[in-house]
Amino acid sequence: MSSISSIAQSGMQAALQRQDAAANNIANQNTEGYRRERVDQQADSNGGTTTSVSRMPQPGSQLEQDMVDQISSSYSFQANLKTLKVHDQMMGSLLDVKV
């Protein structure tokens, strides 16, 4: 089983990939023939998450979906960052108790 910090870091990386894909989709929404990027997330067998980026089969924009993706990925990043901070504080407290 992976440590809490590596699970949180994989979640942060996944959120950043989703944020990047949504930003790319918004920036290119008026580009002729542009196909939206989609980030698929799967649970990793060792804990954490893995992602894969693919293109939608048909050109077109979905501005509302991209905006929602940006907001939700921001919340996901913040939640994983908080988990990482709490883990760091707990490890520091354990070291204080042992010393």
PDB file of N, CA and C in Angstrom:
ATOM      1  N   MET A   1       0.846  -1.187   0.000  1.00  0.00           N
ATOM      2  CA  MET A   1       0.000   0.000   0.000  1.00  0.00           C
ATOM      3  C   MET A   1       0.882   1.237   0.000  1.00  0.00           C
ATOM      4  N   SER A   2       0.506   2.227  -0.780  1.00  0.00           N
ATOM      5  CA  SER A   2       1.279   3.456  -0.872  1.00  0.00           C
ATOM      6  C   SER A   2       1.046   4.336   0.343  1.00  0.00           C
ATOM      7  N   SER A   3       1.986   5.224   0.564  1.00  0.00           N
ATOM      8  CA  SER A   3       1.835   6.140   1.694  1.00  0.00           C
ATOM      9  C   SER A   3       0.801   7.202   1.364  1.00  0.00           C
ATOM     10  N   ILE A   4       0.303   7.827   2.394  1.00  0.00           N
ATOM     11  CA  ILE A   4      -0.705   8.869   2.230  1.00  0.00           C
ATOM     12  C   ILE A   4      -0.170   9.992   1.359  1.00  0.00           C
ATOM     13  N   SER A   5       1.100  10.342   1.537  1.00  0.00           N
ATOM     14  CA  SER A   5       1.656  11.449   0.762  1.00  0.00           C
ATOM     15  C   SER A   5       1.710  11.135  -0.733  1.00  0.00           C
ATOM     16  N   SER A   6       2.048   9.912  -1.098  1.00  0.00           N
ATOM     17  CA  SER A   6       2.100   9.589  -2.533  1.00  0.00           C
ATOM     18  C   SER A   6       0.698   9.509  -3.139  1.00  0.00           C
ATOM     19  N   ILE A   7      -0.282   9.080  -2.351  1.00  0.00           N
ATOM     20  CA  ILE A   7      -1.667   9.062  -2.831  1.00  0.00           C
ATOM     21  C   ILE A   7      -2.155  10.485  -3.053  1.00  0.00           C
ATOM     22  N   ALA A   8      -1.888  11.376  -2.111  1.00  0.00           N
ATOM     23  CA  ALA A   8      -2.295  12.778  -2.251  1.00  0.00           C
ATOM     24  C   ALA A   8      -1.583  13.435  -3.432  1.00  0.00           C
ATOM     25  N   GLN A   9      -0.310  13.122  -3.613  1.00  0.00           N
ATOM     26  CA  GLN A   9       0.428  13.710  -4.738  1.00  0.00           C
ATOM     27  C   GLN A   9      -0.130  13.230  -6.075  1.00  0.00           C
ATOM     28  N   SER A  10      -0.515  11.963  -6.167  1.00  0.00           N
ATOM     29  CA  SER A  10      -1.092  11.486  -7.428  1.00  0.00           C
ATOM     30  C   SER A  10      -2.437  12.163  -7.681  1.00  0.00           C
ATOM     31  N   GLY A  11      -3.192  12.428  -6.633  1.00  0.00           N
ATOM     32  CA  GLY A  11      -4.453  13.155  -6.780  1.00  0.00           C
ATOM     33  C   GLY A  11      -4.234  14.584  -7.237  1.00  0.00           C
ATOM     34  N   MET A  12      -3.176  15.219  -6.722  1.00  0.00           N
ATOM     35  CA  MET A  12      -2.852  16.584  -7.139  1.00  0.00           C
ATOM     36  C   MET A  12      -2.422  16.611  -8.604  1.00  0.00           C
ATOM     37  N   GLN A  13      -1.639  15.633  -9.021  1.00  0.00           N
ATOM     38  CA  GLN A  13      -1.212  15.573 -10.421  1.00  0.00           C
ATOM     39  C   GLN A  13      -2.401  15.342 -11.347  1.00  0.00           C
ATOM     40  N   ALA A  14      -3.337  14.504 -10.925  1.00  0.00           N
ATOM     41  CA  ALA A  14      -4.537  14.258 -11.730  1.00  0.00           C
ATOM     42  C   ALA A  14      -5.371  15.536 -11.849  1.00  0.00           C
ATOM     43  N   ALA A  15      -5.500  16.265 -10.740  1.00  0.00           N
ATOM     44  CA  ALA A  15      -6.255  17.521 -10.770  1.00  0.00           C
ATOM     45  C   ALA A  15      -5.588  18.532 -11.698  1.00  0.00           C
ATOM     46  N   LEU A  16      -4.266  18.584 -11.672  1.00  0.00           N
ATOM     47  CA  LEU A  16      -3.554  19.503 -12.564  1.00  0.00           C
ATOM     48  C   LEU A  16      -3.747  19.121 -14.026  1.00  0.00           C
ATOM     49  N   GLN A  17      -3.760  17.838 -14.322  1.00  0.00           N
ATOM     50  CA  GLN A  17      -3.998  17.401 -15.700  1.00  0.00           C
ATOM     51  C   GLN A  17      -5.400  17.775 -16.158  1.00  0.00           C
ATOM     52  N   ARG A  18      -6.380  17.596 -15.280  1.00  0.00           N
ATOM     53  CA  ARG A  18      -7.750  17.979 -15.623  1.00  0.00           C
ATOM     54  C   ARG A  18      -7.857  19.483 -15.824  1.00  0.00           C
ATOM     55  N   GLN A  19      -7.176  20.251 -14.983  1.00  0.00           N
ATOM     56  CA  GLN A  19      -7.168  21.708 -15.098  1.00  0.00           C
ATOM     57  C   GLN A  19      -6.540  22.132 -16.428  1.00  0.00           C
ATOM     58  N   ASP A  20      -5.435  21.502 -16.773  1.00  0.00           N
ATOM     59  CA  ASP A  20      -4.722  21.825 -18.004  1.00  0.00           C
ATOM     60  C   ASP A  20      -5.571  21.498 -19.233  1.00  0.00           C
ATOM     61  N   ALA A  21      -6.226  20.352 -19.228  1.00  0.00           N
ATOM     62  CA  ALA A  21      -7.067  19.960 -20.360  1.00  0.00           C
ATOM     63  C   ALA A  21      -8.243  20.917 -20.524  1.00  0.00           C
ATOM     64  N   ALA A  22      -8.879  21.295 -19.409  1.00  0.00           N
ATOM     65  CA  ALA A  22     -10.009  22.220 -19.487  1.00  0.00           C
ATOM     66  C   ALA A  22      -9.561  23.583 -19.997  1.00  0.00           C
ATOM     67  N   ALA A  23      -8.405  24.063 -19.531  1.00  0.00           N
ATOM     68  CA  ALA A  23      -7.879  25.348 -19.995  1.00  0.00           C
ATOM     69  C   ALA A  23      -7.550  25.290 -21.488  1.00  0.00           C
ATOM     70  N   ASN A  24      -6.984  24.191 -21.928  1.00  0.00           N
ATOM     71  CA  ASN A  24      -6.663  24.010 -23.333  1.00  0.00           C
ATOM     72  C   ASN A  24      -7.937  23.987 -24.185  1.00  0.00           C
ATOM     73  N   ASN A  25      -8.971  23.327 -23.679  1.00  0.00           N
ATOM     74  CA  ASN A  25     -10.239  23.278 -24.400  1.00  0.00           C
ATOM     75  C   ASN A  25     -10.864  24.669 -24.518  1.00  0.00           C
ATOM     76  N   ILE A  26     -10.804  25.442 -23.444  1.00  0.00           N
ATOM     77  CA  ILE A  26     -11.373  26.789 -23.463  1.00  0.00           C
ATOM     78  C   ILE A  26     -10.590  27.682 -24.420  1.00  0.00           C
ATOM     79  N   ALA A  27      -9.275  27.589 -24.379  1.00  0.00           N
ATOM     80  CA  ALA A  27      -8.432  28.434 -25.234  1.00  0.00           C
ATOM     81  C   ALA A  27      -8.621  28.118 -26.712  1.00  0.00           C
ATOM     82  N   ASN A  28      -8.939  26.884 -27.031  1.00  0.00           N
ATOM     83  CA  ASN A  28      -9.050  26.467 -28.432  1.00  0.00           C
ATOM     84  C   ASN A  28     -10.478  26.246 -28.902  1.00  0.00           C
ATOM     85  N   GLN A  29     -11.453  26.706 -28.137  1.00  0.00           N
ATOM     86  CA  GLN A  29     -12.852  26.427 -28.483  1.00  0.00           C
ATOM     87  C   GLN A  29     -13.258  26.996 -29.844  1.00  0.00           C
ATOM     88  N   ASN A  30     -12.627  28.070 -30.301  1.00  0.00           N
ATOM     89  CA  ASN A  30     -12.981  28.656 -31.595  1.00  0.00           C
ATOM     90  C   ASN A  30     -12.043  28.223 -32.721  1.00  0.00           C
ATOM     91  N   THR A  31     -11.120  27.327 -32.429  1.00  0.00           N
ATOM     92  CA  THR A  31     -10.207  26.822 -33.456  1.00  0.00           C
ATOM     93  C   THR A  31     -10.936  25.785 -34.298  1.00  0.00           C
ATOM     94  N   GLU A  32     -10.934  26.010 -35.592  1.00  0.00           N
ATOM     95  CA  GLU A  32     -11.655  25.107 -36.489  1.00  0.00           C
ATOM     96  C   GLU A  32     -11.051  23.698 -36.443  1.00  0.00           C
ATOM     97  N   GLY A  33     -11.917  22.707 -36.285  1.00  0.00           N
ATOM     98  CA  GLY A  33     -11.485  21.310 -36.279  1.00  0.00           C
ATOM     99  C   GLY A  33     -10.877  20.837 -34.961  1.00  0.00           C
ATOM    100  N   TYR A  34     -10.838  21.706 -33.959  1.00  0.00           N
ATOM    101  CA  TYR A  34     -10.248  21.295 -32.669  1.00  0.00           C
ATOM    102  C   TYR A  34     -11.158  20.291 -31.982  1.00  0.00           C
ATOM    103  N   ARG A  35     -10.561  19.217 -31.501  1.00  0.00           N
ATOM    104  CA  ARG A  35     -11.297  18.207 -30.739  1.00  0.00           C
ATOM    105  C   ARG A  35     -10.910  18.338 -29.272  1.00  0.00           C
ATOM    106  N   ARG A  36     -11.898  18.397 -28.430  1.00  0.00           N
ATOM    107  CA  ARG A  36     -11.679  18.582 -26.987  1.00  0.00           C
ATOM    108  C   ARG A  36     -10.834  17.457 -26.398  1.00  0.00           C
ATOM    109  N   GLU A  37     -10.048  17.815 -25.386  1.00  0.00           N
ATOM    110  CA  GLU A  37      -9.310  16.817 -24.614  1.00  0.00           C
ATOM    111  C   GLU A  37     -10.184  16.361 -23.457  1.00  0.00           C
ATOM    112  N   ARG A  38     -10.040  15.100 -23.123  1.00  0.00           N
ATOM    113  CA  ARG A  38     -10.753  14.529 -21.980  1.00  0.00           C
ATOM    114  C   ARG A  38      -9.741  13.769 -21.130  1.00  0.00           C
ATOM    115  N   VAL A  39      -9.811  13.964 -19.820  1.00  0.00           N
ATOM    116  CA  VAL A  39      -8.922  13.255 -18.899  1.00  0.00           C
ATOM    117  C   VAL A  39      -9.737  12.191 -18.180  1.00  0.00           C
ATOM    118  N   ASP A  40      -9.317  10.942 -18.337  1.00  0.00           N
ATOM    119  CA  ASP A  40      -9.958   9.828 -17.644  1.00  0.00           C
ATOM    120  C   ASP A  40      -9.097   9.441 -16.454  1.00  0.00           C
ATOM    121  N   GLN A  41      -9.742   9.256 -15.323  1.00  0.00           N
ATOM    122  CA  GLN A  41      -9.055   8.935 -14.080  1.00  0.00           C
ATOM    123  C   GLN A  41      -9.458   7.539 -13.626  1.00  0.00           C
ATOM    124  N   GLN A  42      -8.465   6.737 -13.220  1.00  0.00           N
ATOM    125  CA  GLN A  42      -8.733   5.402 -12.705  1.00  0.00           C
ATOM    126  C   GLN A  42      -7.985   5.224 -11.385  1.00  0.00           C
ATOM    127  N   ALA A  43      -8.575   4.444 -10.500  1.00  0.00           N
ATOM    128  CA  ALA A  43      -7.906   4.118  -9.250  1.00  0.00           C
ATOM    129  C   ALA A  43      -6.735   3.199  -9.539  1.00  0.00           C
ATOM    130  N   ASP A  44      -5.615   3.478  -8.905  1.00  0.00           N
ATOM    131  CA  ASP A  44      -4.419   2.656  -9.050  1.00  0.00           C
ATOM    132  C   ASP A  44      -4.505   1.505  -8.059  1.00  0.00           C
ATOM    133  N   SER A  45      -4.022   0.344  -8.440  1.00  0.00           N
ATOM    134  CA  SER A  45      -4.100  -0.823  -7.555  1.00  0.00           C
ATOM    135  C   SER A  45      -3.253  -0.651  -6.292  1.00  0.00           C
ATOM    136  N   ASN A  46      -2.244   0.206  -6.343  1.00  0.00           N
ATOM    137  CA  ASN A  46      -1.394   0.452  -5.169  1.00  0.00           C
ATOM    138  C   ASN A  46      -1.848   1.651  -4.357  1.00  0.00           C
ATOM    139  N   GLY A  47      -2.972   2.223  -4.691  1.00  0.00           N
ATOM    140  CA  GLY A  47      -3.451   3.435  -4.035  1.00  0.00           C
ATOM    141  C   GLY A  47      -3.170   4.622  -4.934  1.00  0.00           C
ATOM    142  N   GLY A  48      -3.942   5.644  -4.791  1.00  0.00           N
ATOM    143  CA  GLY A  48      -3.759   6.809  -5.635  1.00  0.00           C
ATOM    144  C   GLY A  48      -4.583   6.700  -6.906  1.00  0.00           C
ATOM    145  N   THR A  49      -4.160   7.437  -7.919  1.00  0.00           N
ATOM    146  CA  THR A  49      -4.917   7.494  -9.158  1.00  0.00           C
ATOM    147  C   THR A  49      -3.990   7.620 -10.353  1.00  0.00           C
ATOM    148  N   THR A  50      -4.442   7.115 -11.485  1.00  0.00           N
ATOM    149  CA  THR A  50      -3.716   7.287 -12.738  1.00  0.00           C
ATOM    150  C   THR A  50      -4.645   7.991 -13.717  1.00  0.00           C
ATOM    151  N   THR A  51      -4.062   8.694 -14.669  1.00  0.00           N
ATOM    152  CA  THR A  51      -4.866   9.429 -15.640  1.00  0.00           C
ATOM    153  C   THR A  51      -4.408   9.114 -17.052  1.00  0.00           C
ATOM    154  N   SER A  52      -5.315   9.319 -17.981  1.00  0.00           N
ATOM    155  CA  SER A  52      -4.975   9.227 -19.395  1.00  0.00           C
ATOM    156  C   SER A  52      -5.747  10.335 -20.114  1.00  0.00           C
ATOM    157  N   VAL A  53      -5.095  10.961 -21.068  1.00  0.00           N
ATOM    158  CA  VAL A  53      -5.699  12.052 -21.827  1.00  0.00           C
ATOM    159  C   VAL A  53      -6.058  11.527 -23.211  1.00  0.00           C
ATOM    160  N   SER A  54      -7.271  11.812 -23.639  1.00  0.00           N
ATOM    161  CA  SER A  54      -7.708  11.407 -24.977  1.00  0.00           C
ATOM    162  C   SER A  54      -8.446  12.566 -25.629  1.00  0.00           C
ATOM    163  N   ARG A  55      -8.649  12.458 -26.906  1.00  0.00           N
ATOM    164  CA  ARG A  55      -9.388  13.472 -27.669  1.00  0.00           C
ATOM    165  C   ARG A  55     -10.804  12.966 -27.939  1.00  0.00           C
ATOM    166  N   MET A  56     -11.747  13.877 -27.924  1.00  0.00           N
ATOM    167  CA  MET A  56     -13.129  13.533 -28.256  1.00  0.00           C
ATOM    168  C   MET A  56     -13.201  13.198 -29.745  1.00  0.00           C
ATOM    169  N   PRO A  57     -14.098  12.314 -30.140  1.00  0.00           N
ATOM    170  CA  PRO A  57     -14.151  11.895 -31.547  1.00  0.00           C
ATOM    171  C   PRO A  57     -14.618  12.999 -32.496  1.00  0.00           C
ATOM    172  N   GLN A  58     -15.465  13.910 -32.028  1.00  0.00           N
ATOM    173  CA  GLN A  58     -16.014  14.947 -32.891  1.00  0.00           C
ATOM    174  C   GLN A  58     -15.519  16.326 -32.445  1.00  0.00           C
ATOM    175  N   PRO A  59     -15.237  17.220 -33.407  1.00  0.00           N
ATOM    176  CA  PRO A  59     -14.882  18.591 -33.039  1.00  0.00           C
ATOM    177  C   PRO A  59     -16.066  19.290 -32.386  1.00  0.00           C
ATOM    178  N   GLY A  60     -15.783  20.278 -31.578  1.00  0.00           N
ATOM    179  CA  GLY A  60     -16.842  21.052 -30.936  1.00  0.00           C
ATOM    180  C   GLY A  60     -16.424  21.489 -29.547  1.00  0.00           C
ATOM    181  N   SER A  61     -17.138  22.469 -29.023  1.00  0.00           N
ATOM    182  CA  SER A  61     -16.800  22.977 -27.697  1.00  0.00           C
ATOM    183  C   SER A  61     -17.941  22.713 -26.726  1.00  0.00           C
ATOM    184  N   GLN A  62     -17.592  22.620 -25.471  1.00  0.00           N
ATOM    185  CA  GLN A  62     -18.549  22.490 -24.379  1.00  0.00           C
ATOM    186  C   GLN A  62     -18.044  23.377 -23.250  1.00  0.00           C
ATOM    187  N   LEU A  63     -18.214  24.679 -23.419  1.00  0.00           N
ATOM    188  CA  LEU A  63     -17.676  25.654 -22.482  1.00  0.00           C
ATOM    189  C   LEU A  63     -18.174  25.422 -21.064  1.00  0.00           C
ATOM    190  N   GLU A  64     -19.453  25.107 -20.910  1.00  0.00           N
ATOM    191  CA  GLU A  64     -20.007  24.898 -19.569  1.00  0.00           C
ATOM    192  C   GLU A  64     -19.312  23.738 -18.868  1.00  0.00           C
ATOM    193  N   GLN A  65     -19.123  22.632 -19.582  1.00  0.00           N
ATOM    194  CA  GLN A  65     -18.461  21.461 -19.006  1.00  0.00           C
ATOM    195  C   GLN A  65     -17.017  21.773 -18.643  1.00  0.00           C
ATOM    196  N   ASP A  66     -16.326  22.531 -19.496  1.00  0.00           N
ATOM    197  CA  ASP A  66     -14.933  22.879 -19.215  1.00  0.00           C
ATOM    198  C   ASP A  66     -14.817  23.775 -17.990  1.00  0.00           C
ATOM    199  N   MET A  67     -15.758  24.684 -17.811  1.00  0.00           N
ATOM    200  CA  MET A  67     -15.741  25.549 -16.629  1.00  0.00           C
ATOM    201  C   MET A  67     -15.990  24.732 -15.357  1.00  0.00           C
ATOM    202  N   VAL A  68     -16.938  23.805 -15.424  1.00  0.00           N
ATOM    203  CA  VAL A  68     -17.215  22.932 -14.277  1.00  0.00           C
ATOM    204  C   VAL A  68     -15.988  22.071 -13.974  1.00  0.00           C
ATOM    205  N   ASP A  69     -15.329  21.553 -15.009  1.00  0.00           N
ATOM    206  CA  ASP A  69     -14.127  20.746 -14.820  1.00  0.00           C
ATOM    207  C   ASP A  69     -13.023  21.549 -14.132  1.00  0.00           C
ATOM    208  N   GLN A  70     -12.879  22.815 -14.510  1.00  0.00           N
ATOM    209  CA  GLN A  70     -11.857  23.652 -13.874  1.00  0.00           C
ATOM    210  C   GLN A  70     -12.162  23.852 -12.395  1.00  0.00           C
ATOM    211  N   ILE A  71     -13.403  24.120 -12.073  1.00  0.00           N
ATOM    212  CA  ILE A  71     -13.780  24.348 -10.672  1.00  0.00           C
ATOM    213  C   ILE A  71     -13.608  23.068  -9.860  1.00  0.00           C
ATOM    214  N   SER A  72     -14.094  21.948 -10.379  1.00  0.00           N
ATOM    215  CA  SER A  72     -13.993  20.696  -9.614  1.00  0.00           C
ATOM    216  C   SER A  72     -12.548  20.233  -9.470  1.00  0.00           C
ATOM    217  N   SER A  73     -11.724  20.446 -10.491  1.00  0.00           N
ATOM    218  CA  SER A  73     -10.321  20.053 -10.361  1.00  0.00           C
ATOM    219  C   SER A  73      -9.593  20.957  -9.365  1.00  0.00           C
ATOM    220  N   SER A  74     -10.005  22.200  -9.270  1.00  0.00           N
ATOM    221  CA  SER A  74      -9.417  23.103  -8.278  1.00  0.00           C
ATOM    222  C   SER A  74      -9.739  22.623  -6.859  1.00  0.00           C
ATOM    223  N   TYR A  75     -10.996  22.232  -6.627  1.00  0.00           N
ATOM    224  CA  TYR A  75     -11.386  21.701  -5.320  1.00  0.00           C
ATOM    225  C   TYR A  75     -10.661  20.393  -5.010  1.00  0.00           C
ATOM    226  N   SER A  76     -10.515  19.563  -6.009  1.00  0.00           N
ATOM    227  CA  SER A  76      -9.806  18.295  -5.827  1.00  0.00           C
ATOM    228  C   SER A  76      -8.350  18.535  -5.449  1.00  0.00           C
ATOM    229  N   PHE A  77      -7.711  19.485  -6.130  1.00  0.00           N
ATOM    230  CA  PHE A  77      -6.323  19.810  -5.817  1.00  0.00           C
ATOM    231  C   PHE A  77      -6.208  20.308  -4.384  1.00  0.00           C
ATOM    232  N   GLN A  78      -7.109  21.207  -3.991  1.00  0.00           N
ATOM    233  CA  GLN A  78      -7.075  21.762  -2.637  1.00  0.00           C
ATOM    234  C   GLN A  78      -7.285  20.687  -1.574  1.00  0.00           C
ATOM    235  N   ALA A  79      -8.189  19.749  -1.829  1.00  0.00           N
ATOM    236  CA  ALA A  79      -8.437  18.672  -0.872  1.00  0.00           C
ATOM    237  C   ALA A  79      -7.211  17.780  -0.721  1.00  0.00           C
ATOM    238  N   ASN A  80      -6.568  17.442  -1.827  1.00  0.00           N
ATOM    239  CA  ASN A  80      -5.364  16.614  -1.760  1.00  0.00           C
ATOM    240  C   ASN A  80      -4.210  17.362  -1.111  1.00  0.00           C
ATOM    241  N   LEU A  81      -4.117  18.661  -1.345  1.00  0.00           N
ATOM    242  CA  LEU A  81      -3.081  19.466  -0.702  1.00  0.00           C
ATOM    243  C   LEU A  81      -3.295  19.495   0.806  1.00  0.00           C
ATOM    244  N   LYS A  82      -4.535  19.634   1.238  1.00  0.00           N
ATOM    245  CA  LYS A  82      -4.842  19.623   2.665  1.00  0.00           C
ATOM    246  C   LYS A  82      -4.463  18.279   3.280  1.00  0.00           C
ATOM    247  N   THR A  83      -4.746  17.191   2.564  1.00  0.00           N
ATOM    248  CA  THR A  83      -4.360  15.863   3.045  1.00  0.00           C
ATOM    249  C   THR A  83      -2.853  15.771   3.209  1.00  0.00           C
ATOM    250  N   LEU A  84      -2.117  16.299   2.253  1.00  0.00           N
ATOM    251  CA  LEU A  84      -0.657  16.292   2.315  1.00  0.00           C
ATOM    252  C   LEU A  84      -0.147  17.110   3.498  1.00  0.00           C
ATOM    253  N   LYS A  85      -0.750  18.266   3.737  1.00  0.00           N
ATOM    254  CA  LYS A  85      -0.344  19.115   4.864  1.00  0.00           C
ATOM    255  C   LYS A  85      -0.625  18.445   6.205  1.00  0.00           C
ATOM    256  N   VAL A  86      -1.801  17.830   6.328  1.00  0.00           N
ATOM    257  CA  VAL A  86      -2.154  17.148   7.577  1.00  0.00           C
ATOM    258  C   VAL A  86      -1.214  15.969   7.816  1.00  0.00           C
ATOM    259  N   HIS A  87      -0.889  15.231   6.763  1.00  0.00           N
ATOM    260  CA  HIS A  87       0.046  14.115   6.891  1.00  0.00           C
ATOM    261  C   HIS A  87       1.409  14.620   7.376  1.00  0.00           C
ATOM    262  N   ASP A  88       1.857  15.720   6.814  1.00  0.00           N
ATOM    263  CA  ASP A  88       3.129  16.304   7.225  1.00  0.00           C
ATOM    264  C   ASP A  88       3.090  16.731   8.694  1.00  0.00           C
ATOM    265  N   GLN A  89       1.985  17.346   9.112  1.00  0.00           N
ATOM    266  CA  GLN A  89       1.849  17.756  10.516  1.00  0.00           C
ATOM    267  C   GLN A  89       1.832  16.551  11.445  1.00  0.00           C
ATOM    268  N   MET A  90       1.141  15.498  11.036  1.00  0.00           N
ATOM    269  CA  MET A  90       1.072  14.287  11.866  1.00  0.00           C
ATOM    270  C   MET A  90       2.454  13.655  12.005  1.00  0.00           C
ATOM    271  N   MET A  91       3.205  13.613  10.909  1.00  0.00           N
ATOM    272  CA  MET A  91       4.556  13.043  10.969  1.00  0.00           C
ATOM    273  C   MET A  91       5.455  13.880  11.878  1.00  0.00           C
ATOM    274  N   GLY A  92       5.300  15.197  11.819  1.00  0.00           N
ATOM    275  CA  GLY A  92       6.063  16.079  12.694  1.00  0.00           C
ATOM    276  C   GLY A  92       5.705  15.860  14.160  1.00  0.00           C
ATOM    277  N   SER A  93       4.416  15.673  14.445  1.00  0.00           N
ATOM    278  CA  SER A  93       3.976  15.419  15.807  1.00  0.00           C
ATOM    279  C   SER A  93       4.509  14.088  16.321  1.00  0.00           C
ATOM    280  N   LEU A  94       4.530  13.070  15.449  1.00  0.00           N
ATOM    281  CA  LEU A  94       5.073  11.772  15.848  1.00  0.00           C
ATOM    282  C   LEU A  94       6.556  11.882  16.163  1.00  0.00           C
ATOM    283  N   LEU A  95       7.282  12.662  15.383  1.00  0.00           N
ATOM    284  CA  LEU A  95       8.698  12.835  15.651  1.00  0.00           C
ATOM    285  C   LEU A  95       8.910  13.587  16.961  1.00  0.00           C
ATOM    286  N   ASP A  96       8.051  14.564  17.255  1.00  0.00           N
ATOM    287  CA  ASP A  96       8.151  15.305  18.516  1.00  0.00           C
ATOM    288  C   ASP A  96       7.929  14.389  19.714  1.00  0.00           C
ATOM    289  N   VAL A  97       6.990  13.452  19.593  1.00  0.00           N
ATOM    290  CA  VAL A  97       6.679  12.522  20.677  1.00  0.00           C
ATOM    291  C   VAL A  97       7.845  11.567  20.899  1.00  0.00           C
ATOM    292  N   LYS A  98       8.461  11.117  19.813  1.00  0.00           N
ATOM    293  CA  LYS A  98       9.562  10.144  19.929  1.00  0.00           C
ATOM    294  C   LYS A  98      10.828  10.781  20.484  1.00  0.00           C
ATOM    295  N   VAL A  99      11.038  12.050  20.237  1.00  0.00           N
ATOM    296  CA  VAL A  99      12.289  12.706  20.650  1.00  0.00           C
ATOM    297  C   VAL A  99      12.236  13.143  22.063  1.00  0.00           C
TER     298      VAL A  99
END
